[in-house]
Amino acid sequence: MAHASPYTCGVQATGSPAHTGGPTTASPAPETLLVALMRLVRLVKRGNDAPIEPALHYVLHTVACSGPTRLSDLAGQVQLDVSTVSRHVRALETSGYLGRASDPDDRRAALVSVTETGNRVLEEAAARRRARLDAVLSQWPADDVQTLGRLLDQLAKDLEAETSTPPGP
């Protein structure tokens, strides 16, 4: 039976006692960052008392930020399959958060847009998130808050760019 290396729990070994004759040195691995990000997402979701689930909220938020949009364009923006976005949009329409109208440039296509009710849901959710984050981050130095925001934004952009780049040969 082959011996498997033990899971390192987010620490990447850069040497091993067996091979170097000394203690193992370790550095934070990407796994540590990913675990922290997943924990952060879970904690944010736990505090979410919005009337819609996070996936639907993301679609609603995206439409609100981009303005009236076609389903195919929306699917590209949220990086989901058109059939998934279509189900999300139907659920948001049924709840009265999105409306649908003919595209004036192409009558065969439809545009979805946020309703007054949808805007209210987004505004209320944003106010709750701001209050929650303000309560936590008010103890942090302002420079740390700005640095965190800048680095998280950069990480998100880099991950988006990496996932939109086709793999090499």
N, C-alpha and C. Protein backbone atom coordinates (compact mmCIF):
# COMPACT_ATOMS: atom_id res chain seq x y z
N MET A 1 0.84 -1.17 0.00
CA MET A 1 0.00 0.00 0.00
C MET A 1 0.89 1.24 0.00
N ALA A 2 0.60 2.19 -0.89
CA ALA A 2 1.39 3.41 -0.98
C ALA A 2 1.09 4.31 0.21
N HIS A 3 2.11 4.98 0.69
CA HIS A 3 1.95 5.91 1.81
C HIS A 3 1.62 7.29 1.26
N ALA A 4 0.50 7.84 1.70
CA ALA A 4 0.10 9.17 1.26
C ALA A 4 0.65 10.21 2.23
N SER A 5 1.07 11.33 1.68
CA SER A 5 1.52 12.43 2.54
C SER A 5 0.33 12.97 3.29
N PRO A 6 0.52 13.36 4.55
CA PRO A 6 -0.61 13.89 5.32
C PRO A 6 -1.03 15.25 4.79
N TYR A 7 -2.30 15.53 4.93
CA TYR A 7 -2.84 16.84 4.57
C TYR A 7 -2.18 17.87 5.46
N THR A 8 -1.78 18.99 4.90
CA THR A 8 -1.00 19.97 5.66
C THR A 8 -1.82 21.06 6.31
N CYS A 9 -3.14 21.01 6.20
CA CYS A 9 -4.03 21.99 6.85
C CYS A 9 -3.66 23.42 6.52
N GLY A 10 -3.35 23.68 5.26
CA GLY A 10 -3.09 25.04 4.83
C GLY A 10 -1.66 25.50 5.00
N VAL A 11 -0.76 24.64 5.42
CA VAL A 11 0.65 25.00 5.53
C VAL A 11 1.41 24.18 4.50
N GLN A 12 2.17 24.87 3.70
CA GLN A 12 2.92 24.20 2.64
C GLN A 12 4.34 23.95 3.14
N ALA A 13 4.70 22.70 3.23
CA ALA A 13 6.04 22.36 3.68
C ALA A 13 7.04 22.70 2.59
N THR A 14 8.12 23.37 2.97
CA THR A 14 9.16 23.72 2.01
C THR A 14 10.40 22.85 2.18
N GLY A 15 10.34 21.96 3.12
CA GLY A 15 11.43 21.02 3.35
C GLY A 15 10.90 19.93 4.26
N SER A 16 11.57 18.85 4.38
CA SER A 16 11.11 17.82 5.30
C SER A 16 12.28 17.31 6.10
N PRO A 17 12.05 16.94 7.35
CA PRO A 17 13.15 16.45 8.17
C PRO A 17 13.88 15.28 7.52
N ALA A 18 13.14 14.42 6.84
CA ALA A 18 13.76 13.24 6.23
C ALA A 18 14.74 13.62 5.13
N HIS A 19 14.44 14.70 4.40
CA HIS A 19 15.27 15.07 3.27
C HIS A 19 16.31 16.14 3.61
N THR A 20 16.06 16.95 4.61
CA THR A 20 16.97 18.06 4.89
C THR A 20 17.79 17.83 6.14
N GLY A 21 17.41 16.84 6.94
CA GLY A 21 18.13 16.58 8.16
C GLY A 21 17.78 17.53 9.28
N GLY A 22 16.86 18.45 9.03
CA GLY A 22 16.47 19.43 10.04
C GLY A 22 14.97 19.53 10.15
N PRO A 23 14.50 20.48 10.93
CA PRO A 23 13.06 20.63 11.09
C PRO A 23 12.41 21.12 9.79
N THR A 24 11.15 20.80 9.63
CA THR A 24 10.39 21.24 8.47
C THR A 24 10.14 22.74 8.58
N THR A 25 10.37 23.47 7.50
CA THR A 25 9.99 24.87 7.46
C THR A 25 8.68 24.96 6.71
N ALA A 26 7.89 25.92 7.06
CA ALA A 26 6.58 26.02 6.43
C ALA A 26 6.27 27.47 6.12
N SER A 27 5.46 27.67 5.11
CA SER A 27 4.98 29.00 4.76
C SER A 27 3.50 28.90 4.46
N PRO A 28 2.79 30.01 4.59
CA PRO A 28 1.36 29.95 4.29
C PRO A 28 1.15 29.51 2.84
N ALA A 29 0.25 28.60 2.64
CA ALA A 29 -0.06 28.11 1.31
C ALA A 29 -1.31 28.81 0.80
N PRO A 30 -1.53 28.77 -0.51
CA PRO A 30 -2.77 29.32 -1.04
C PRO A 30 -4.00 28.73 -0.36
N GLU A 31 -3.88 27.50 0.11
CA GLU A 31 -4.99 26.85 0.80
C GLU A 31 -5.43 27.65 2.03
N THR A 32 -4.46 28.22 2.76
CA THR A 32 -4.78 29.01 3.94
C THR A 32 -5.66 30.20 3.55
N LEU A 33 -5.30 30.87 2.48
CA LEU A 33 -6.07 32.01 2.00
C LEU A 33 -7.46 31.57 1.56
N LEU A 34 -7.54 30.47 0.82
CA LEU A 34 -8.84 29.99 0.36
C LEU A 34 -9.74 29.59 1.52
N VAL A 35 -9.19 28.94 2.52
CA VAL A 35 -9.98 28.55 3.69
C VAL A 35 -10.49 29.80 4.40
N ALA A 36 -9.64 30.81 4.54
CA ALA A 36 -10.07 32.05 5.19
C ALA A 36 -11.17 32.74 4.39
N LEU A 37 -11.04 32.74 3.07
CA LEU A 37 -12.07 33.36 2.23
C LEU A 37 -13.39 32.60 2.31
N MET A 38 -13.32 31.27 2.31
CA MET A 38 -14.55 30.47 2.43
C MET A 38 -15.21 30.71 3.79
N ARG A 39 -14.40 30.82 4.83
CA ARG A 39 -14.93 31.10 6.16
C ARG A 39 -15.60 32.47 6.18
N LEU A 40 -14.98 33.44 5.54
CA LEU A 40 -15.54 34.79 5.47
C LEU A 40 -16.88 34.77 4.75
N VAL A 41 -16.96 34.07 3.62
CA VAL A 41 -18.22 33.97 2.88
C VAL A 41 -19.29 33.31 3.74
N ARG A 42 -18.93 32.25 4.43
CA ARG A 42 -19.88 31.56 5.30
C ARG A 42 -20.39 32.49 6.40
N LEU A 43 -19.51 33.28 7.00
CA LEU A 43 -19.90 34.20 8.06
C LEU A 43 -20.80 35.32 7.53
N VAL A 44 -20.50 35.80 6.33
CA VAL A 44 -21.34 36.83 5.73
C VAL A 44 -22.72 36.27 5.43
N LYS A 45 -22.77 35.04 4.90
CA LYS A 45 -24.06 34.41 4.62
C LYS A 45 -24.85 34.18 5.89
N ARG A 46 -24.16 33.80 6.97
CA ARG A 46 -24.84 33.54 8.23
C ARG A 46 -25.55 34.80 8.73
N GLY A 47 -24.96 35.94 8.49
CA GLY A 47 -25.56 37.20 8.93
C GLY A 47 -26.54 37.77 7.93
N ASN A 48 -26.80 37.03 6.86
CA ASN A 48 -27.69 37.51 5.81
C ASN A 48 -29.14 37.21 6.17
N ASP A 49 -29.89 38.25 6.46
CA ASP A 49 -31.31 38.04 6.73
C ASP A 49 -32.16 38.66 5.61
N ALA A 50 -31.55 38.72 4.42
CA ALA A 50 -32.26 39.25 3.26
C ALA A 50 -33.37 38.28 2.86
N PRO A 51 -34.41 38.80 2.22
CA PRO A 51 -35.52 37.94 1.81
C PRO A 51 -35.20 37.01 0.64
N ILE A 52 -34.01 37.13 0.06
CA ILE A 52 -33.64 36.25 -1.05
C ILE A 52 -32.28 35.63 -0.76
N GLU A 53 -32.06 34.47 -1.37
CA GLU A 53 -30.80 33.76 -1.16
C GLU A 53 -29.65 34.49 -1.86
N PRO A 54 -28.42 34.27 -1.41
CA PRO A 54 -27.27 35.00 -1.94
C PRO A 54 -27.09 34.91 -3.46
N ALA A 55 -27.33 33.77 -4.07
CA ALA A 55 -27.16 33.65 -5.52
C ALA A 55 -28.13 34.56 -6.26
N LEU A 56 -29.37 34.62 -5.79
CA LEU A 56 -30.35 35.51 -6.41
C LEU A 56 -30.00 36.96 -6.14
N HIS A 57 -29.52 37.24 -4.95
CA HIS A 57 -29.12 38.60 -4.60
C HIS A 57 -28.01 39.08 -5.54
N TYR A 58 -27.06 38.20 -5.84
CA TYR A 58 -25.96 38.55 -6.72
C TYR A 58 -26.47 38.89 -8.13
N VAL A 59 -27.40 38.11 -8.63
CA VAL A 59 -27.97 38.38 -9.95
C VAL A 59 -28.72 39.71 -9.92
N LEU A 60 -29.53 39.92 -8.89
CA LEU A 60 -30.28 41.17 -8.76
C LEU A 60 -29.33 42.36 -8.67
N HIS A 61 -28.30 42.24 -7.88
CA HIS A 61 -27.30 43.30 -7.73
C HIS A 61 -26.63 43.60 -9.08
N THR A 62 -26.30 42.56 -9.82
CA THR A 62 -25.63 42.74 -11.11
C THR A 62 -26.52 43.48 -12.09
N VAL A 63 -27.80 43.13 -12.13
CA VAL A 63 -28.74 43.84 -13.02
C VAL A 63 -28.87 45.29 -12.58
N ALA A 64 -28.94 45.53 -11.28
CA ALA A 64 -29.07 46.90 -10.77
C ALA A 64 -27.86 47.74 -11.17
N CYS A 65 -26.68 47.15 -11.15
CA CYS A 65 -25.46 47.88 -11.47
C CYS A 65 -25.25 48.06 -12.97
N SER A 66 -25.72 47.11 -13.77
CA SER A 66 -25.48 47.19 -15.21
C SER A 66 -26.64 47.82 -15.96
N GLY A 67 -27.80 47.92 -15.33
CA GLY A 67 -28.97 48.44 -16.02
C GLY A 67 -29.66 47.33 -16.80
N PRO A 68 -30.72 47.68 -17.52
CA PRO A 68 -31.46 46.66 -18.28
C PRO A 68 -30.50 45.85 -19.16
N THR A 69 -30.65 44.54 -19.09
CA THR A 69 -29.70 43.68 -19.79
C THR A 69 -30.36 42.41 -20.30
N ARG A 70 -29.80 41.84 -21.34
CA ARG A 70 -30.27 40.56 -21.88
C ARG A 70 -29.78 39.43 -20.99
N LEU A 71 -30.53 38.33 -20.99
CA LEU A 71 -30.13 37.17 -20.18
C LEU A 71 -28.74 36.67 -20.55
N SER A 72 -28.44 36.62 -21.85
CA SER A 72 -27.14 36.10 -22.27
C SER A 72 -26.01 36.99 -21.77
N ASP A 73 -26.22 38.30 -21.80
CA ASP A 73 -25.20 39.22 -21.28
C ASP A 73 -25.07 39.08 -19.77
N LEU A 74 -26.20 38.94 -19.10
CA LEU A 74 -26.19 38.77 -17.65
C LEU A 74 -25.44 37.49 -17.26
N ALA A 75 -25.67 36.42 -18.00
CA ALA A 75 -24.98 35.16 -17.73
C ALA A 75 -23.47 35.35 -17.82
N GLY A 76 -23.02 36.10 -18.80
CA GLY A 76 -21.59 36.39 -18.92
C GLY A 76 -21.08 37.22 -17.75
N GLN A 77 -21.87 38.18 -17.33
CA GLN A 77 -21.44 39.05 -16.22
C GLN A 77 -21.31 38.29 -14.91
N VAL A 78 -22.23 37.38 -14.65
CA VAL A 78 -22.20 36.63 -13.39
C VAL A 78 -21.47 35.30 -13.53
N GLN A 79 -21.00 35.01 -14.74
CA GLN A 79 -20.23 33.80 -15.05
C GLN A 79 -20.98 32.53 -14.67
N LEU A 80 -22.24 32.48 -15.12
CA LEU A 80 -23.08 31.30 -14.93
C LEU A 80 -23.67 30.91 -16.26
N ASP A 81 -24.11 29.66 -16.37
CA ASP A 81 -24.79 29.17 -17.56
C ASP A 81 -26.10 29.94 -17.76
N VAL A 82 -26.48 30.16 -19.01
CA VAL A 82 -27.71 30.90 -19.32
C VAL A 82 -28.92 30.22 -18.69
N SER A 83 -28.97 28.89 -18.67
CA SER A 83 -30.12 28.20 -18.09
C SER A 83 -30.23 28.48 -16.58
N THR A 84 -29.10 28.55 -15.90
CA THR A 84 -29.10 28.87 -14.47
C THR A 84 -29.57 30.30 -14.24
N VAL A 85 -29.05 31.22 -15.04
CA VAL A 85 -29.45 32.62 -14.91
C VAL A 85 -30.93 32.77 -15.22
N SER A 86 -31.42 32.03 -16.21
CA SER A 86 -32.84 32.08 -16.56
C SER A 86 -33.71 31.66 -15.37
N ARG A 87 -33.32 30.60 -14.67
CA ARG A 87 -34.07 30.17 -13.48
C ARG A 87 -34.03 31.24 -12.39
N HIS A 88 -32.85 31.82 -12.18
CA HIS A 88 -32.72 32.87 -11.16
C HIS A 88 -33.59 34.07 -11.52
N VAL A 89 -33.57 34.46 -12.79
CA VAL A 89 -34.37 35.61 -13.23
C VAL A 89 -35.85 35.32 -13.06
N ARG A 90 -36.30 34.12 -13.41
CA ARG A 90 -37.71 33.76 -13.22
C ARG A 90 -38.11 33.88 -11.75
N ALA A 91 -37.26 33.39 -10.86
CA ALA A 91 -37.54 33.48 -9.42
C ALA A 91 -37.60 34.93 -8.97
N LEU A 92 -36.71 35.76 -9.48
CA LEU A 92 -36.70 37.18 -9.12
C LEU A 92 -37.90 37.91 -9.71
N GLU A 93 -38.33 37.51 -10.90
CA GLU A 93 -39.54 38.08 -11.49
C GLU A 93 -40.77 37.70 -10.68
N THR A 94 -40.87 36.43 -10.31
CA THR A 94 -42.00 35.94 -9.52
C THR A 94 -42.11 36.69 -8.20
N SER A 95 -40.97 37.03 -7.62
CA SER A 95 -40.95 37.76 -6.35
C SER A 95 -41.18 39.26 -6.54
N GLY A 96 -41.20 39.70 -7.78
CA GLY A 96 -41.43 41.12 -8.06
C GLY A 96 -40.18 41.98 -7.99
N TYR A 97 -39.00 41.35 -8.01
CA TYR A 97 -37.75 42.10 -7.90
C TYR A 97 -37.17 42.49 -9.26
N LEU A 98 -37.52 41.74 -10.30
CA LEU A 98 -37.09 42.04 -11.67
C LEU A 98 -38.31 42.11 -12.58
N GLY A 99 -38.19 42.92 -13.62
CA GLY A 99 -39.21 42.99 -14.65
C GLY A 99 -38.56 42.70 -15.99
N ARG A 100 -39.39 42.39 -16.98
CA ARG A 100 -38.89 42.04 -18.30
C ARG A 100 -39.62 42.90 -19.33
N ALA A 101 -38.86 43.39 -20.33
CA ALA A 101 -39.44 44.19 -21.41
C ALA A 101 -38.72 43.84 -22.71
N SER A 102 -39.37 44.13 -23.84
CA SER A 102 -38.73 43.89 -25.14
C SER A 102 -37.53 44.80 -25.31
N ASP A 103 -36.51 44.26 -25.95
CA ASP A 103 -35.32 45.03 -26.26
C ASP A 103 -35.66 45.94 -27.44
N PRO A 104 -35.56 47.26 -27.29
CA PRO A 104 -35.91 48.15 -28.40
C PRO A 104 -35.02 47.97 -29.63
N ASP A 105 -33.80 47.44 -29.43
CA ASP A 105 -32.89 47.22 -30.55
C ASP A 105 -33.13 45.90 -31.26
N ASP A 106 -33.79 44.97 -30.59
CA ASP A 106 -34.06 43.65 -31.16
C ASP A 106 -35.31 43.09 -30.49
N ARG A 107 -36.45 43.23 -31.16
CA ARG A 107 -37.74 42.84 -30.57
C ARG A 107 -37.82 41.35 -30.22
N ARG A 108 -36.91 40.54 -30.78
CA ARG A 108 -36.91 39.12 -30.44
C ARG A 108 -36.32 38.87 -29.06
N ALA A 109 -35.54 39.81 -28.58
CA ALA A 109 -34.85 39.66 -27.29
C ALA A 109 -35.59 40.45 -26.20
N ALA A 110 -35.33 40.06 -24.97
CA ALA A 110 -35.93 40.76 -23.83
C ALA A 110 -34.82 41.31 -22.93
N LEU A 111 -35.15 42.39 -22.25
CA LEU A 111 -34.24 42.98 -21.27
C LEU A 111 -34.85 42.81 -19.89
N VAL A 112 -34.03 42.47 -18.92
CA VAL A 112 -34.51 42.42 -17.54
C VAL A 112 -33.98 43.65 -16.82
N SER A 113 -34.80 44.17 -15.92
CA SER A 113 -34.39 45.34 -15.13
C SER A 113 -34.97 45.22 -13.73
N VAL A 114 -34.38 45.96 -12.81
CA VAL A 114 -34.78 45.92 -11.41
C VAL A 114 -36.02 46.77 -11.21
N THR A 115 -36.97 46.24 -10.44
CA THR A 115 -38.19 46.97 -10.10
C THR A 115 -37.95 47.83 -8.85
N GLU A 116 -38.93 48.65 -8.50
CA GLU A 116 -38.83 49.43 -7.26
C GLU A 116 -38.66 48.51 -6.06
N THR A 117 -39.42 47.42 -6.05
CA THR A 117 -39.31 46.46 -4.94
C THR A 117 -37.91 45.86 -4.89
N GLY A 118 -37.36 45.53 -6.05
CA GLY A 118 -36.00 44.99 -6.10
C GLY A 118 -34.97 45.99 -5.60
N ASN A 119 -35.13 47.26 -5.99
CA ASN A 119 -34.22 48.30 -5.50
C ASN A 119 -34.31 48.44 -3.98
N ARG A 120 -35.51 48.36 -3.45
CA ARG A 120 -35.69 48.47 -2.00
C ARG A 120 -35.00 47.32 -1.27
N VAL A 121 -35.15 46.10 -1.81
CA VAL A 121 -34.50 44.93 -1.20
C VAL A 121 -32.98 45.11 -1.21
N LEU A 122 -32.43 45.58 -2.33
CA LEU A 122 -30.99 45.80 -2.42
C LEU A 122 -30.52 46.88 -1.45
N GLU A 123 -31.25 47.97 -1.37
CA GLU A 123 -30.88 49.06 -0.46
C GLU A 123 -30.92 48.62 0.99
N GLU A 124 -31.95 47.86 1.37
CA GLU A 124 -32.06 47.38 2.75
C GLU A 124 -30.93 46.41 3.08
N ALA A 125 -30.61 45.52 2.14
CA ALA A 125 -29.53 44.56 2.37
C ALA A 125 -28.19 45.28 2.48
N ALA A 126 -27.97 46.30 1.64
CA ALA A 126 -26.72 47.06 1.69
C ALA A 126 -26.59 47.79 3.02
N ALA A 127 -27.69 48.34 3.51
CA ALA A 127 -27.66 49.05 4.80
C ALA A 127 -27.30 48.08 5.93
N ARG A 128 -27.87 46.88 5.89
CA ARG A 128 -27.56 45.88 6.93
C ARG A 128 -26.08 45.47 6.86
N ARG A 129 -25.58 45.25 5.65
CA ARG A 129 -24.17 44.87 5.50
C ARG A 129 -23.25 45.98 5.98
N ARG A 130 -23.58 47.22 5.60
CA ARG A 130 -22.75 48.35 6.03
C ARG A 130 -22.70 48.46 7.55
N ALA A 131 -23.87 48.33 8.19
CA ALA A 131 -23.92 48.42 9.65
C ALA A 131 -23.09 47.32 10.29
N ARG A 132 -23.20 46.12 9.75
CA ARG A 132 -22.46 44.99 10.32
C ARG A 132 -20.96 45.17 10.15
N LEU A 133 -20.54 45.54 8.94
CA LEU A 133 -19.11 45.75 8.70
C LEU A 133 -18.58 46.95 9.47
N ASP A 134 -19.37 48.02 9.53
CA ASP A 134 -18.94 49.20 10.29
C ASP A 134 -18.69 48.83 11.75
N ALA A 135 -19.57 48.00 12.31
CA ALA A 135 -19.41 47.59 13.71
C ALA A 135 -18.10 46.82 13.91
N VAL A 136 -17.76 45.98 12.96
CA VAL A 136 -16.54 45.17 13.08
C VAL A 136 -15.30 46.00 12.74
N LEU A 137 -15.36 46.72 11.62
CA LEU A 137 -14.17 47.42 11.14
C LEU A 137 -13.90 48.74 11.84
N SER A 138 -14.82 49.20 12.66
CA SER A 138 -14.59 50.46 13.39
C SER A 138 -13.42 50.34 14.35
N GLN A 139 -13.06 49.11 14.70
CA GLN A 139 -11.93 48.87 15.60
C GLN A 139 -10.59 48.80 14.85
N TRP A 140 -10.65 48.77 13.53
CA TRP A 140 -9.45 48.64 12.71
C TRP A 140 -8.90 50.03 12.35
N PRO A 141 -7.59 50.14 12.16
CA PRO A 141 -7.04 51.38 11.62
C PRO A 141 -7.56 51.60 10.19
N ALA A 142 -7.85 52.85 9.85
CA ALA A 142 -8.41 53.17 8.53
C ALA A 142 -7.51 52.66 7.40
N ASP A 143 -6.19 52.75 7.57
CA ASP A 143 -5.27 52.27 6.53
C ASP A 143 -5.42 50.77 6.30
N ASP A 144 -5.65 50.01 7.37
CA ASP A 144 -5.84 48.56 7.23
C ASP A 144 -7.12 48.25 6.46
N VAL A 145 -8.18 49.01 6.73
CA VAL A 145 -9.45 48.79 6.03
C VAL A 145 -9.27 49.08 4.54
N GLN A 146 -8.59 50.18 4.22
CA GLN A 146 -8.35 50.51 2.82
C GLN A 146 -7.46 49.47 2.14
N THR A 147 -6.45 49.01 2.84
CA THR A 147 -5.55 47.99 2.28
C THR A 147 -6.31 46.69 2.04
N LEU A 148 -7.12 46.27 2.99
CA LEU A 148 -7.91 45.05 2.82
C LEU A 148 -8.82 45.18 1.60
N GLY A 149 -9.52 46.28 1.47
CA GLY A 149 -10.40 46.48 0.32
C GLY A 149 -9.65 46.43 -0.99
N ARG A 150 -8.50 47.10 -1.03
CA ARG A 150 -7.71 47.13 -2.26
C ARG A 150 -7.19 45.74 -2.61
N LEU A 151 -6.70 45.01 -1.62
CA LEU A 151 -6.14 43.68 -1.88
C LEU A 151 -7.22 42.66 -2.26
N LEU A 152 -8.37 42.71 -1.60
CA LEU A 152 -9.47 41.81 -1.97
C LEU A 152 -9.95 42.09 -3.38
N ASP A 153 -10.05 43.38 -3.73
CA ASP A 153 -10.47 43.75 -5.08
C ASP A 153 -9.45 43.25 -6.10
N GLN A 154 -8.17 43.40 -5.81
CA GLN A 154 -7.12 42.93 -6.72
C GLN A 154 -7.16 41.41 -6.87
N LEU A 155 -7.35 40.70 -5.76
CA LEU A 155 -7.45 39.24 -5.81
C LEU A 155 -8.63 38.81 -6.68
N ALA A 156 -9.77 39.46 -6.49
CA ALA A 156 -10.96 39.13 -7.28
C ALA A 156 -10.70 39.38 -8.77
N LYS A 157 -10.10 40.51 -9.10
CA LYS A 157 -9.80 40.81 -10.51
C LYS A 157 -8.83 39.79 -11.10
N ASP A 158 -7.79 39.44 -10.34
CA ASP A 158 -6.81 38.48 -10.84
C ASP A 158 -7.43 37.09 -11.03
N LEU A 159 -8.29 36.69 -10.09
CA LEU A 159 -8.95 35.39 -10.23
C LEU A 159 -9.91 35.40 -11.41
N GLU A 160 -10.63 36.51 -11.62
CA GLU A 160 -11.51 36.61 -12.79
C GLU A 160 -10.71 36.51 -14.08
N ALA A 161 -9.59 37.22 -14.14
CA ALA A 161 -8.76 37.19 -15.34
C ALA A 161 -8.20 35.79 -15.58
N GLU A 162 -7.79 35.13 -14.50
CA GLU A 162 -7.22 33.78 -14.62
C GLU A 162 -8.28 32.79 -15.08
N THR A 163 -9.50 32.90 -14.58
CA THR A 163 -10.54 31.94 -14.96
C THR A 163 -11.09 32.23 -16.35
N SER A 164 -10.90 33.46 -16.86
CA SER A 164 -11.40 33.76 -18.20
C SER A 164 -10.34 33.49 -19.26
N THR A 165 -9.12 33.17 -18.85
CA THR A 165 -8.05 32.85 -19.78
C THR A 165 -8.04 31.35 -20.04
N PRO A 166 -8.17 30.96 -21.32
CA PRO A 166 -8.15 29.52 -21.61
C PRO A 166 -6.81 28.91 -21.21
N PRO A 167 -6.83 27.65 -20.74
CA PRO A 167 -5.57 27.00 -20.37
C PRO A 167 -4.67 26.83 -21.59
N GLY A 168 -3.39 26.85 -21.35
CA GLY A 168 -2.41 26.69 -22.43
C GLY A 168 -2.34 25.26 -22.92
N PRO A 169 -1.52 25.03 -23.96
CA PRO A 169 -1.41 23.68 -24.55
C PRO A 169 -0.88 22.65 -23.60
